[in-house]
C-alpha atoms as a PDB file:
ATOM      1  CA  ALA A   1    -118.029  49.367 137.364  1.00  0.00           C
ATOM      2  CA  GLU A   2    -115.512  47.490 138.916  1.00  0.00           C
ATOM      3  CA  TYR A   3    -116.328  44.046 141.069  1.00  0.00           C
ATOM      4  CA  ASP A   4    -113.200  41.894 141.505  1.00  0.00           C
ATOM      5  CA  ALA A   5    -111.880  41.001 145.322  1.00  0.00           C
ATOM      6  CA  LEU A   6    -108.660  40.262 146.669  1.00  0.00           C
ATOM      7  CA  PRO A   7    -107.189  36.934 147.353  1.00  0.00           C
ATOM      8  CA  GLY A   8    -107.895  35.636 150.901  1.00  0.00           C
ATOM      9  CA  ILE A   9    -109.459  38.909 151.970  1.00  0.00           C
ATOM     10  CA  GLY A  10    -112.091  39.667 150.066  1.00  0.00           C
ATOM     11  CA  HIS A  11    -113.380  42.903 149.132  1.00  0.00           C
ATOM     12  CA  ALA A  12    -110.263  44.952 151.009  1.00  0.00           C
ATOM     13  CA  CYS A  13    -110.462  47.402 148.142  1.00  0.00           C
ATOM     14  CA  GLY A  14    -113.863  47.914 148.371  1.00  0.00           C
ATOM     15  CA  HIS A  15    -115.073  47.225 144.913  1.00  0.00           C
ATOM     16  CA  ASN A  16    -118.389  45.891 145.923  1.00  0.00           C
ATOM     17  CA  ILE A  17    -119.082  49.790 146.874  1.00  0.00           C
ATOM     18  CA  ILE A  18    -117.705  50.507 143.360  1.00  0.00           C
ATOM     19  CA  ALA A  19    -120.155  48.407 141.411  1.00  0.00           C
ATOM     20  CA  ALA A  20    -122.929  49.327 143.183  1.00  0.00           C
ATOM     21  CA  ALA A  21    -122.406  53.041 142.845  1.00  0.00           C
ATOM     22  CA  ALA A  22    -122.043  52.691 139.526  1.00  0.00           C
ATOM     23  CA  ALA A  23    -125.331  50.145 139.264  1.00  0.00           C
ATOM     24  CA  GLY A  24    -127.215  52.833 141.184  1.00  0.00           C
ATOM     25  CA  ALA A  25    -125.601  55.991 139.266  1.00  0.00           C
ATOM     26  CA  GLY A  26    -126.599  54.253 136.021  1.00  0.00           C
ATOM     27  CA  ILE A  27    -130.302  54.020 136.731  1.00  0.00           C
ATOM     28  CA  ALA A  28    -130.654  57.745 138.023  1.00  0.00           C
ATOM     29  CA  ALA A  29    -129.106  58.836 135.501  1.00  0.00           C
ATOM     30  CA  ALA A  30    -130.779  56.835 132.542  1.00  0.00           C
ATOM     31  CA  SER A  31    -134.827  57.458 134.152  1.00  0.00           C
ATOM     32  CA  VAL A  32    -134.028  61.349 132.237  1.00  0.00           C
ATOM     33  CA  ALA A  33    -130.988  60.796 129.512  1.00  0.00           C
ATOM     34  CA  GLU A  34    -133.413  60.843 126.719  1.00  0.00           C
ATOM     35  CA  GLU A  35    -134.873  64.183 127.766  1.00  0.00           C
ATOM     36  CA  ILE A  36    -131.367  65.654 128.021  1.00  0.00           C
ATOM     37  CA  ASP A  37    -130.059  63.511 124.422  1.00  0.00           C
ATOM     38  CA  MET A  38    -127.799  61.510 126.793  1.00  0.00           C
ATOM     39  CA  THR A  39    -126.602  58.250 126.321  1.00  0.00           C
ATOM     40  CA  VAL A  40    -125.954  56.118 129.565  1.00  0.00           C
ATOM     41  CA  SER A  41    -123.781  52.815 130.200  1.00  0.00           C
ATOM     42  CA  VAL A  42    -122.877  51.045 133.255  1.00  0.00           C
ATOM     43  CA  ILE A  43    -119.570  48.894 131.733  1.00  0.00           C
ATOM     44  CA  GLY A  44    -118.412  45.889 134.390  1.00  0.00           C
ATOM     45  CA  THR A  45    -114.978  45.827 134.371  1.00  0.00           C
ATOM     46  CA  PRO A  46    -113.291  42.794 135.530  1.00  0.00           C
ATOM     47  CA  GLY A  47    -109.762  41.929 136.709  1.00  0.00           C
ATOM     48  CA  GLU A  48    -108.748  45.243 138.089  1.00  0.00           C
ATOM     49  CA  GLU A  49    -106.247  43.817 140.613  1.00  0.00           C
ATOM     50  CA  VAL A  50    -104.445  41.914 138.437  1.00  0.00           C
ATOM     51  CA  GLY A  51    -101.916  44.627 138.025  1.00  0.00           C
ATOM     52  CA  ASN A  52    -101.152  43.391 133.891  1.00  0.00           C
ATOM     53  CA  ALA A  53    -103.902  43.491 131.196  1.00  0.00           C
ATOM     54  CA  GLY A  54    -106.694  44.947 133.192  1.00  0.00           C
ATOM     55  CA  GLY A  55    -110.688  44.378 132.173  1.00  0.00           C
ATOM     56  CA  LYS A  56    -110.310  48.344 131.341  1.00  0.00           C
ATOM     57  CA  ILE A  57    -107.557  48.198 128.955  1.00  0.00           C
ATOM     58  CA  LEU A  58    -109.236  44.805 127.366  1.00  0.00           C
ATOM     59  CA  LEU A  59    -112.260  46.579 126.922  1.00  0.00           C
ATOM     60  CA  LEU A  60    -110.981  49.183 125.472  1.00  0.00           C
ATOM     61  CA  GLU A  61    -109.218  47.681 122.974  1.00  0.00           C
ATOM     62  CA  ARG A  62    -112.207  45.541 121.604  1.00  0.00           C
ATOM     63  CA  GLY A  63    -113.817  48.827 121.460  1.00  0.00           C
ATOM     64  CA  ALA A  64    -115.827  48.566 124.360  1.00  0.00           C
ATOM     65  CA  PHE A  65    -115.954  52.308 124.979  1.00  0.00           C
ATOM     66  CA  ALA A  66    -116.561  53.540 121.377  1.00  0.00           C
ATOM     67  CA  GLY A  67    -118.862  56.577 121.126  1.00  0.00           C
ATOM     68  CA  VAL A  68    -118.163  57.198 125.048  1.00  0.00           C
ATOM     69  CA  HIS A  69    -117.093  60.450 126.146  1.00  0.00           C
ATOM     70  CA  ALA A  70    -116.997  60.942 129.302  1.00  0.00           C
ATOM     71  CA  THR A  71    -116.322  57.691 132.253  1.00  0.00           C
ATOM     72  CA  MET A  72    -115.915  58.253 135.965  1.00  0.00           C
ATOM     73  CA  MET A  73    -116.021  56.278 138.797  1.00  0.00           C
ATOM     74  CA  VAL A  74    -116.162  56.775 142.553  1.00  0.00           C
ATOM     75  CA  HIS A  75    -113.672  54.283 144.936  1.00  0.00           C
ATOM     76  CA  PRO A  76    -113.683  53.767 148.526  1.00  0.00           C
ATOM     77  CA  GLY A  77    -111.308  54.873 151.180  1.00  0.00           C
ATOM     78  CA  PRO A  78    -111.123  55.840 154.495  1.00  0.00           C
ATOM     79  CA  PHE A  79    -111.467  59.883 152.853  1.00  0.00           C
ATOM     80  CA  ASP A  80    -112.992  61.707 150.046  1.00  0.00           C
ATOM     81  CA  VAL A  81    -110.476  63.177 148.167  1.00  0.00           C
ATOM     82  CA  LEU A  82    -111.788  64.398 144.493  1.00  0.00           C
ATOM     83  CA  THR A  83    -108.217  63.744 142.596  1.00  0.00           C
ATOM     84  CA  PRO A  84    -105.794  60.442 144.280  1.00  0.00           C
ATOM     85  CA  THR A  85    -102.866  59.845 142.454  1.00  0.00           C
ATOM     86  CA  PHE A  86    -102.460  56.997 140.638  1.00  0.00           C
ATOM     87  CA  ILE A  87     -99.063  56.029 138.824  1.00  0.00           C
ATOM     88  CA  ALA A  88     -98.298  53.928 136.471  1.00  0.00           C
ATOM     89  CA  ALA A  89     -97.685  50.222 136.506  1.00  0.00           C
ATOM     90  CA  SER A  90     -96.881  46.828 134.895  1.00  0.00           C
ATOM     91  CA  MET A  91     -96.811  43.042 136.848  1.00  0.00           C
ATOM     92  CA  PHE A  92     -95.001  40.723 135.719  1.00  0.00           C
ATOM     93  CA  GLU A  93     -93.900  36.794 136.350  1.00  0.00           C
ATOM     94  CA  ILE A  94     -90.857  35.577 137.018  1.00  0.00           C
ATOM     95  CA  ARG A  95     -89.291  31.830 136.504  1.00  0.00           C
ATOM     96  CA  TYR A  96     -86.022  30.057 137.009  1.00  0.00           C
ATOM     97  CA  THR A  97     -85.219  26.558 135.896  1.00  0.00           C
ATOM     98  CA  GLY A  98     -82.676  25.233 137.545  1.00  0.00           C
ATOM     99  CA  LYS A  99     -81.531  21.377 138.454  1.00  0.00           C
ATOM    100  CA  GLU A 100     -82.127  19.470 141.002  1.00  0.00           C
ATOM    101  CA  ALA A 101     -79.772  17.499 143.083  1.00  0.00           C
ATOM    102  CA  HIS A 102     -79.098  16.312 147.033  1.00  0.00           C
ATOM    103  CA  ALA A 103     -78.417  19.311 148.581  1.00  0.00           C
ATOM    104  CA  SER A 104     -76.214  17.527 150.713  1.00  0.00           C
ATOM    105  CA  ALA A 105     -74.738  14.965 149.123  1.00  0.00           C
ATOM    106  CA  PHE A 106     -74.608  16.151 145.735  1.00  0.00           C
ATOM    107  CA  PRO A 107     -74.932  19.759 145.682  1.00  0.00           C
ATOM    108  CA  GLU A 108     -72.485  20.570 143.051  1.00  0.00           C
ATOM    109  CA  MET A 109     -74.602  18.438 140.610  1.00  0.00           C
ATOM    110  CA  GLY A 110     -77.203  21.612 141.145  1.00  0.00           C
ATOM    111  CA  ILE A 111     -78.573  24.448 140.108  1.00  0.00           C
ATOM    112  CA  ASN A 112     -80.204  26.073 142.273  1.00  0.00           C
ATOM    113  CA  ALA A 113     -82.836  28.061 141.226  1.00  0.00           C
ATOM    114  CA  ALA A 114     -83.360  29.648 144.563  1.00  0.00           C
ATOM    115  CA  ASP A 115     -80.235  31.413 144.888  1.00  0.00           C
ATOM    116  CA  ALA A 116     -81.074  33.006 141.332  1.00  0.00           C
ATOM    117  CA  LEU A 117     -84.021  34.443 143.025  1.00  0.00           C
ATOM    118  CA  THR A 118     -82.486  35.648 145.870  1.00  0.00           C
ATOM    119  CA  VAL A 119     -79.705  37.150 143.896  1.00  0.00           C
ATOM    120  CA  ALA A 120     -82.192  39.369 142.150  1.00  0.00           C
ATOM    121  CA  GLN A 121     -83.752  40.411 145.398  1.00  0.00           C
ATOM    122  CA  THR A 122     -80.759  41.430 146.480  1.00  0.00           C
ATOM    123  CA  ALA A 123     -79.660  43.428 143.192  1.00  0.00           C
ATOM    124  CA  ILE A 124     -83.363  44.949 143.629  1.00  0.00           C
ATOM    125  CA  GLY A 125     -83.343  45.640 146.913  1.00  0.00           C
ATOM    126  CA  LEU A 126     -79.844  47.749 146.059  1.00  0.00           C
ATOM    127  CA  LEU A 127     -81.649  49.210 142.607  1.00  0.00           C
ATOM    128  CA  ARG A 128     -83.726  51.226 145.210  1.00  0.00           C
ATOM    129  CA  GLN A 129     -81.111  53.545 145.978  1.00  0.00           C
ATOM    130  CA  HIS A 130     -81.086  54.612 142.794  1.00  0.00           C
ATOM    131  CA  ILE A 131     -84.311  55.335 141.188  1.00  0.00           C
ATOM    132  CA  MET A 132     -86.606  57.787 141.491  1.00  0.00           C
ATOM    133  CA  PRO A 133     -88.311  58.322 144.776  1.00  0.00           C
ATOM    134  CA  THR A 134     -91.961  58.176 143.268  1.00  0.00           C
ATOM    135  CA  ASP A 135     -90.558  54.912 141.263  1.00  0.00           C
ATOM    136  CA  ARG A 136     -91.656  51.709 143.141  1.00  0.00           C
ATOM    137  CA  ILE A 137     -91.102  47.568 143.249  1.00  0.00           C
ATOM    138  CA  HIS A 138     -92.397  45.095 145.182  1.00  0.00           C
ATOM    139  CA  GLY A 139     -93.333  41.376 144.783  1.00  0.00           C
ATOM    140  CA  ILE A 140     -94.029  38.204 146.207  1.00  0.00           C
ATOM    141  CA  VAL A 141     -92.209  34.898 146.159  1.00  0.00           C
ATOM    142  CA  THR A 142     -94.715  32.294 144.807  1.00  0.00           C
ATOM    143  CA  HIS A 143     -92.638  29.336 144.323  1.00  0.00           C
ATOM    144  CA  GLY A 144     -89.548  28.750 146.321  1.00  0.00           C
ATOM    145  CA  GLY A 145     -88.597  25.110 146.129  1.00  0.00           C
ATOM    146  CA  ASP A 146     -90.267  21.253 147.356  1.00  0.00           C
ATOM    147  CA  ALA A 147     -88.037  20.199 149.999  1.00  0.00           C
ATOM    148  CA  PRO A 148     -85.193  21.436 151.834  1.00  0.00           C
ATOM    149  CA  ASN A 149     -82.516  18.806 151.131  1.00  0.00           C
ATOM    150  CA  VAL A 150     -83.528  19.086 147.457  1.00  0.00           C
ATOM    151  CA  ILE A 151     -81.835  22.138 145.517  1.00  0.00           C
ATOM    152  CA  PRO A 152     -85.023  24.144 144.056  1.00  0.00           C
ATOM    153  CA  ALA A 153     -84.974  23.297 140.156  1.00  0.00           C
ATOM    154  CA  HIS A 154     -87.739  25.883 139.929  1.00  0.00           C
ATOM    155  CA  THR A 155     -88.696  28.980 141.374  1.00  0.00           C
ATOM    156  CA  SER A 156     -91.133  31.823 140.911  1.00  0.00           C
ATOM    157  CA  ALA A 157     -91.785  35.194 142.019  1.00  0.00           C
ATOM    158  CA  ARG A 158     -94.695  38.005 141.000  1.00  0.00           C
ATOM    159  CA  TYR A 159     -93.163  41.625 140.791  1.00  0.00           C
ATOM    160  CA  ILE A 160     -95.209  45.266 140.211  1.00  0.00           C
ATOM    161  CA  ILE A 161     -92.771  48.083 139.218  1.00  0.00           C
ATOM    162  CA  ARG A 162     -94.466  51.699 139.034  1.00  0.00           C
ATOM    163  CA  ALA A 163     -93.763  55.103 137.844  1.00  0.00           C
ATOM    164  CA  GLN A 164     -94.895  58.530 137.744  1.00  0.00           C
ATOM    165  CA  THR A 165     -95.947  57.610 133.958  1.00  0.00           C
ATOM    166  CA  LEU A 166     -95.801  55.234 131.282  1.00  0.00           C
ATOM    167  CA  SER A 167     -92.706  56.616 129.792  1.00  0.00           C
ATOM    168  CA  GLN A 168     -90.580  56.937 133.537  1.00  0.00           C
ATOM    169  CA  LEU A 169     -91.927  52.745 133.756  1.00  0.00           C
ATOM    170  CA  GLU A 170     -90.449  52.004 130.442  1.00  0.00           C
ATOM    171  CA  GLN A 171     -87.249  54.087 131.341  1.00  0.00           C
ATOM    172  CA  LEU A 172     -87.341  51.622 135.099  1.00  0.00           C
ATOM    173  CA  ARG A 173     -88.100  48.356 134.007  1.00  0.00           C
ATOM    174  CA  PRO A 174     -85.083  47.433 132.331  1.00  0.00           C
ATOM    175  CA  ARG A 175     -83.540  48.476 135.004  1.00  0.00           C
ATOM    176  CA  VAL A 176     -85.364  46.211 137.093  1.00  0.00           C
ATOM    177  CA  TYR A 177     -84.804  42.866 134.624  1.00  0.00           C
ATOM    178  CA  ARG A 178     -81.539  43.346 134.444  1.00  0.00           C
ATOM    179  CA  CYS A 179     -81.106  42.434 138.310  1.00  0.00           C
ATOM    180  CA  PHE A 180     -83.537  38.983 137.254  1.00  0.00           C
ATOM    181  CA  GLU A 181     -80.953  38.280 134.418  1.00  0.00           C
ATOM    182  CA  ALA A 182     -78.343  38.770 136.955  1.00  0.00           C
ATOM    183  CA  GLY A 183     -79.799  36.089 139.247  1.00  0.00           C
ATOM    184  CA  ALA A 184     -79.439  33.687 135.864  1.00  0.00           C
ATOM    185  CA  LEU A 185     -75.813  34.772 135.082  1.00  0.00           C
ATOM    186  CA  ALA A 186     -74.784  33.972 138.524  1.00  0.00           C
ATOM    187  CA  THR A 187     -76.382  30.686 139.081  1.00  0.00           C
ATOM    188  CA  GLY A 188     -76.717  29.556 135.466  1.00  0.00           C
ATOM    189  CA  ALA A 189     -80.264  28.929 135.871  1.00  0.00           C
ATOM    190  CA  LYS A 190     -82.624  29.913 132.860  1.00  0.00           C
ATOM    191  CA  LEU A 191     -84.674  33.175 133.291  1.00  0.00           C
ATOM    192  CA  GLU A 192     -88.261  33.666 131.780  1.00  0.00           C
ATOM    193  CA  ILE A 193     -90.166  36.824 132.609  1.00  0.00           C
ATOM    194  CA  LEU A 194     -93.652  36.945 131.438  1.00  0.00           C
ATOM    195  CA  GLY A 195     -96.179  39.255 131.277  1.00  0.00           C
ATOM    196  CA  GLY A 196     -95.344  43.268 131.709  1.00  0.00           C
ATOM    197  CA  ASP A 197     -97.152  43.798 128.397  1.00  0.00           C
ATOM    198  CA  LYS A 198    -100.230  45.355 129.185  1.00  0.00           C
ATOM    199  CA  PRO A 199     -99.068  48.587 131.210  1.00  0.00           C
ATOM    200  CA  TYR A 200    -101.799  50.577 133.566  1.00  0.00           C
ATOM    201  CA  SER A 201    -101.212  54.022 132.399  1.00  0.00           C
ATOM    202  CA  GLU A 202    -100.882  57.119 134.945  1.00  0.00           C
ATOM    203  CA  LEU A 203    -104.130  58.834 135.170  1.00  0.00           C
ATOM    204  CA  VAL A 204    -105.493  61.852 134.151  1.00  0.00           C
ATOM    205  CA  HIS A 205    -108.411  63.537 136.063  1.00  0.00           C
ATOM    206  CA  ASP A 206    -110.394  65.629 133.644  1.00  0.00           C
ATOM    207  CA  ARG A 207    -110.304  69.084 135.727  1.00  0.00           C
ATOM    208  CA  ASP A 208    -114.347  70.463 134.144  1.00  0.00           C
ATOM    209  CA  ILE A 209    -115.572  66.945 135.511  1.00  0.00           C
ATOM    210  CA  ALA A 210    -113.939  66.716 138.437  1.00  0.00           C
ATOM    211  CA  ALA A 211    -115.419  70.655 139.548  1.00  0.00           C
ATOM    212  CA  VAL A 212    -118.870  69.321 138.857  1.00  0.00           C
ATOM    213  CA  TYR A 213    -118.653  65.962 140.891  1.00  0.00           C
ATOM    214  CA  ARG A 214    -116.671  68.419 143.682  1.00  0.00           C
ATOM    215  CA  ARG A 215    -119.965  70.445 144.012  1.00  0.00           C
ATOM    216  CA  ASN A 216    -122.328  67.635 143.543  1.00  0.00           C
ATOM    217  CA  ALA A 217    -120.780  65.448 146.389  1.00  0.00           C
ATOM    218  CA  GLU A 218    -120.458  68.675 148.783  1.00  0.00           C
ATOM    219  CA  LEU A 219    -124.539  68.774 148.111  1.00  0.00           C
ATOM    220  CA  LEU A 220    -124.666  65.952 149.871  1.00  0.00           C
ATOM    221  CA  GLY A 221    -122.352  66.584 152.668  1.00  0.00           C
ATOM    222  CA  ARG A 222    -119.143  65.226 151.525  1.00  0.00           C
ATOM    223  CA  SER A 223    -116.192  67.205 151.715  1.00  0.00           C
ATOM    224  CA  PHE A 224    -112.824  67.750 150.739  1.00  0.00           C
ATOM    225  CA  PRO A 225    -110.618  69.275 153.323  1.00  0.00           C
ATOM    226  CA  GLY A 226    -107.101  67.861 152.071  1.00  0.00           C
ATOM    227  CA  SER A 227    -105.750  64.637 152.098  1.00  0.00           C
ATOM    228  CA  GLY A 228    -103.938  64.838 155.038  1.00  0.00           C
ATOM    229  CA  GLN A 229    -100.352  62.957 155.977  1.00  0.00           C
ATOM    230  CA  VAL A 230    -102.049  59.589 154.764  1.00  0.00           C
ATOM    231  CA  MET A 231    -103.521  60.288 152.016  1.00  0.00           C
ATOM    232  CA  GLU A 232    -100.364  62.741 150.823  1.00  0.00           C
ATOM    233  CA  ARG A 233     -98.377  59.681 150.652  1.00  0.00           C
ATOM    234  CA  PHE A 234    -101.126  57.348 148.514  1.00  0.00           C
ATOM    235  CA  VAL A 235    -100.167  56.020 145.829  1.00  0.00           C
ATOM    236  CA  ALA A 236    -101.949  53.007 143.610  1.00  0.00           C
ATOM    237  CA  SER A 237    -102.264  52.107 140.117  1.00  0.00           C
ATOM    238  CA  THR A 238    -105.139  51.441 138.320  1.00  0.00           C
ATOM    239  CA  ASP A 239    -106.341  50.353 134.405  1.00  0.00           C
ATOM    240  CA  MET A 240    -108.765  53.362 134.405  1.00  0.00           C
ATOM    241  CA  GLY A 241    -105.569  55.107 134.450  1.00  0.00           C
ATOM    242  CA  ASN A 242    -105.678  53.798 130.780  1.00  0.00           C
ATOM    243  CA  VAL A 243    -109.458  54.995 130.017  1.00  0.00           C
ATOM    244  CA  SER A 244    -108.620  58.697 131.065  1.00  0.00           C
ATOM    245  CA  LEU A 245    -105.876  58.981 128.468  1.00  0.00           C
ATOM    246  CA  GLU A 246    -108.299  57.918 126.043  1.00  0.00           C
ATOM    247  CA  ILE A 247    -111.521  59.795 127.536  1.00  0.00           C
ATOM    248  CA  PRO A 248    -112.328  62.373 129.787  1.00  0.00           C
ATOM    249  CA  SER A 249    -112.569  60.750 133.290  1.00  0.00           C
ATOM    250  CA  ILE A 250    -112.209  61.179 137.082  1.00  0.00           C
ATOM    251  CA  HIS A 251    -111.733  58.896 139.928  1.00  0.00           C
ATOM    252  CA  PRO A 252    -112.461  60.425 143.403  1.00  0.00           C
ATOM    253  CA  MET A 253    -112.375  58.194 146.607  1.00  0.00           C
ATOM    254  CA  ILE A 254    -115.083  58.136 148.290  1.00  0.00           C
ATOM    255  CA  GLY A 255    -114.355  58.249 152.595  1.00  0.00           C
ATOM    256  CA  ILE A 256    -116.031  55.496 154.237  1.00  0.00           C
ATOM    257  CA  ALA A 257    -115.576  55.355 158.154  1.00  0.00           C
ATOM    258  CA  SER A 258    -112.741  52.791 158.572  1.00  0.00           C
ATOM    259  CA  PHE A 259    -109.204  54.504 159.576  1.00  0.00           C
ATOM    260  CA  PRO A 260    -107.073  53.594 160.676  1.00  0.00           C
ATOM    261  CA  ALA A 261    -108.275  50.565 158.390  1.00  0.00           C
ATOM    262  CA  VAL A 262    -106.722  51.022 155.104  1.00  0.00           C
ATOM    263  CA  ASN A 263    -107.294  49.482 151.649  1.00  0.00           C
ATOM    264  CA  HIS A 264    -105.867  45.892 150.996  1.00  0.00           C
ATOM    265  CA  GLN A 265    -106.157  45.410 155.186  1.00  0.00           C
ATOM    266  CA  LYS A 266    -108.291  42.477 156.106  1.00  0.00           C
ATOM    267  CA  GLU A 267    -109.863  44.826 158.866  1.00  0.00           C
ATOM    268  CA  PHE A 268    -110.594  47.137 155.905  1.00  0.00           C
ATOM    269  CA  THR A 269    -113.044  44.270 154.455  1.00  0.00           C
ATOM    270  CA  ARG A 270    -115.361  44.494 156.847  1.00  0.00           C
ATOM    271  CA  PHE A 271    -116.044  48.328 156.840  1.00  0.00           C
ATOM    272  CA  CYS A 272    -116.988  47.695 153.379  1.00  0.00           C
ATOM    273  CA  VAL A 273    -120.310  46.225 154.375  1.00  0.00           C
ATOM    274  CA  THR A 274    -121.633  48.855 157.239  1.00  0.00           C
ATOM    275  CA  GLU A 275    -123.567  51.641 157.409  1.00  0.00           C
ATOM    276  CA  SER A 276    -120.828  54.010 156.406  1.00  0.00           C
ATOM    277  CA  ALA A 277    -120.330  51.686 153.304  1.00  0.00           C
ATOM    278  CA  ASP A 278    -123.671  52.092 152.540  1.00  0.00           C
ATOM    279  CA  LYS A 279    -124.047  55.830 152.648  1.00  0.00           C
ATOM    280  CA  ALA A 280    -120.818  55.819 150.222  1.00  0.00           C
ATOM    281  CA  VAL A 281    -122.637  53.304 147.842  1.00  0.00           C
ATOM    282  CA  PHE A 282    -125.532  56.163 147.999  1.00  0.00           C
ATOM    283  CA  ASP A 283    -123.596  59.386 147.711  1.00  0.00           C
ATOM    284  CA  GLY A 284    -121.542  57.968 144.725  1.00  0.00           C
ATOM    285  CA  ALA A 285    -124.031  57.186 143.240  1.00  0.00           C
ATOM    286  CA  LEU A 286    -126.425  60.290 143.173  1.00  0.00           C
ATOM    287  CA  ALA A 287    -123.177  62.626 142.881  1.00  0.00           C
ATOM    288  CA  MET A 288    -122.249  60.588 139.794  1.00  0.00           C
ATOM    289  CA  ALA A 289    -125.508  60.603 138.743  1.00  0.00           C
ATOM    290  CA  TRP A 290    -126.312  64.254 139.151  1.00  0.00           C
ATOM    291  CA  THR A 291    -122.586  64.780 137.833  1.00  0.00           C
ATOM    292  CA  ALA A 292    -123.575  63.114 133.736  1.00  0.00           C
ATOM    293  CA  ILE A 293    -126.727  65.039 133.874  1.00  0.00           C
ATOM    294  CA  ASP A 294    -124.790  68.420 134.466  1.00  0.00           C
ATOM    295  CA  LEU A 295    -122.146  67.211 132.175  1.00  0.00           C
ATOM    296  CA  ALA A 296    -125.046  66.888 129.344  1.00  0.00           C
ATOM    297  CA  LEU A 297    -126.900  70.008 130.083  1.00  0.00           C
ATOM    298  CA  GLU A 298    -123.629  72.653 130.610  1.00  0.00           C
ATOM    299  CA  LYS A 299    -122.864  73.671 127.141  1.00  0.00           C
ATOM    300  CA  ASN A 300    -119.680  74.617 127.297  1.00  0.00           C
ATOM    301  CA  ILE A 301    -118.321  71.546 129.343  1.00  0.00           C
ATOM    302  CA  ARG A 302    -120.324  69.375 126.756  1.00  0.00           C
ATOM    303  CA  LYS A 303    -119.228  70.893 123.745  1.00  0.00           C
ATOM    304  CA  ARG A 304    -115.844  69.835 124.777  1.00  0.00           C
ATOM    305  CA  LEU A 305    -116.275  66.650 125.647  1.00  0.00           C
ATOM    306  CA  LEU A 306    -117.896  66.228 122.565  1.00  0.00           C
ATOM    307  CA  SER A 307    -115.231  67.352 120.188  1.00  0.00           C
ATOM    308  CA  LYS A 308    -112.934  64.864 122.148  1.00  0.00           C
ATOM    309  CA  ARG A 309    -114.495  61.681 119.984  1.00  0.00           C
END
């Protein structure tokens, strides 16, 4: 159950819906769990939006998912999508340290940390021609200097790199890091790269669980006619991917009536507290609860899931 919001725009990814649906599913499934020999847990997972060392990764490492044989969550979006694409990702922070000087009187006495970042960004822009079409490199400048008449001695940025798999991500990483090293080499600034050590993996949907969820969601009037142009281009990342490599999992998108507003827009935030959002909570909770019950009752699936861990 994710519940973190986005800085400045609140629940523009609908994690309020995720948390409420998970709680509802847990309550519903727990009411019959003893009868069908099933244990139900609702695990709150903070910090999914941070892009590095998300809550699920830390919880996995510390044993919170020990003894769990299947996991699921629903995520709001403009459309219902049964098995959306989530790829590997890593977020890291860049810091350049140079030397201050008067920008007009003594520029030759300074080491320009802003120039170092500019060189790196230019190199990244050129690198994009030579990476896989499914790779992504994007970031923001978090500090660019303090005054226009002072050579900046300190600049920083936060970047995310993405690739189809963890393996491909680790091939992309050194190429991107070399762009930042180029900024340091060109200007003489000192470079620090922080984070990036706990990347998000690609998400693997369990086909059996997805098929059961689809059946139950369709009983509630949900449909999965095809993702359409917008969702075909949908590429995101989540620490649920790390869970899915350890435990059979699903992460379907549950539609709310928001389009053309989409995730991470402030307009989407408003749609996450509407009747359509409430219906997504209700449908998501029921579909997940029914799916958990079906997994416990369908002998072949239950046997396979129990054999995994």
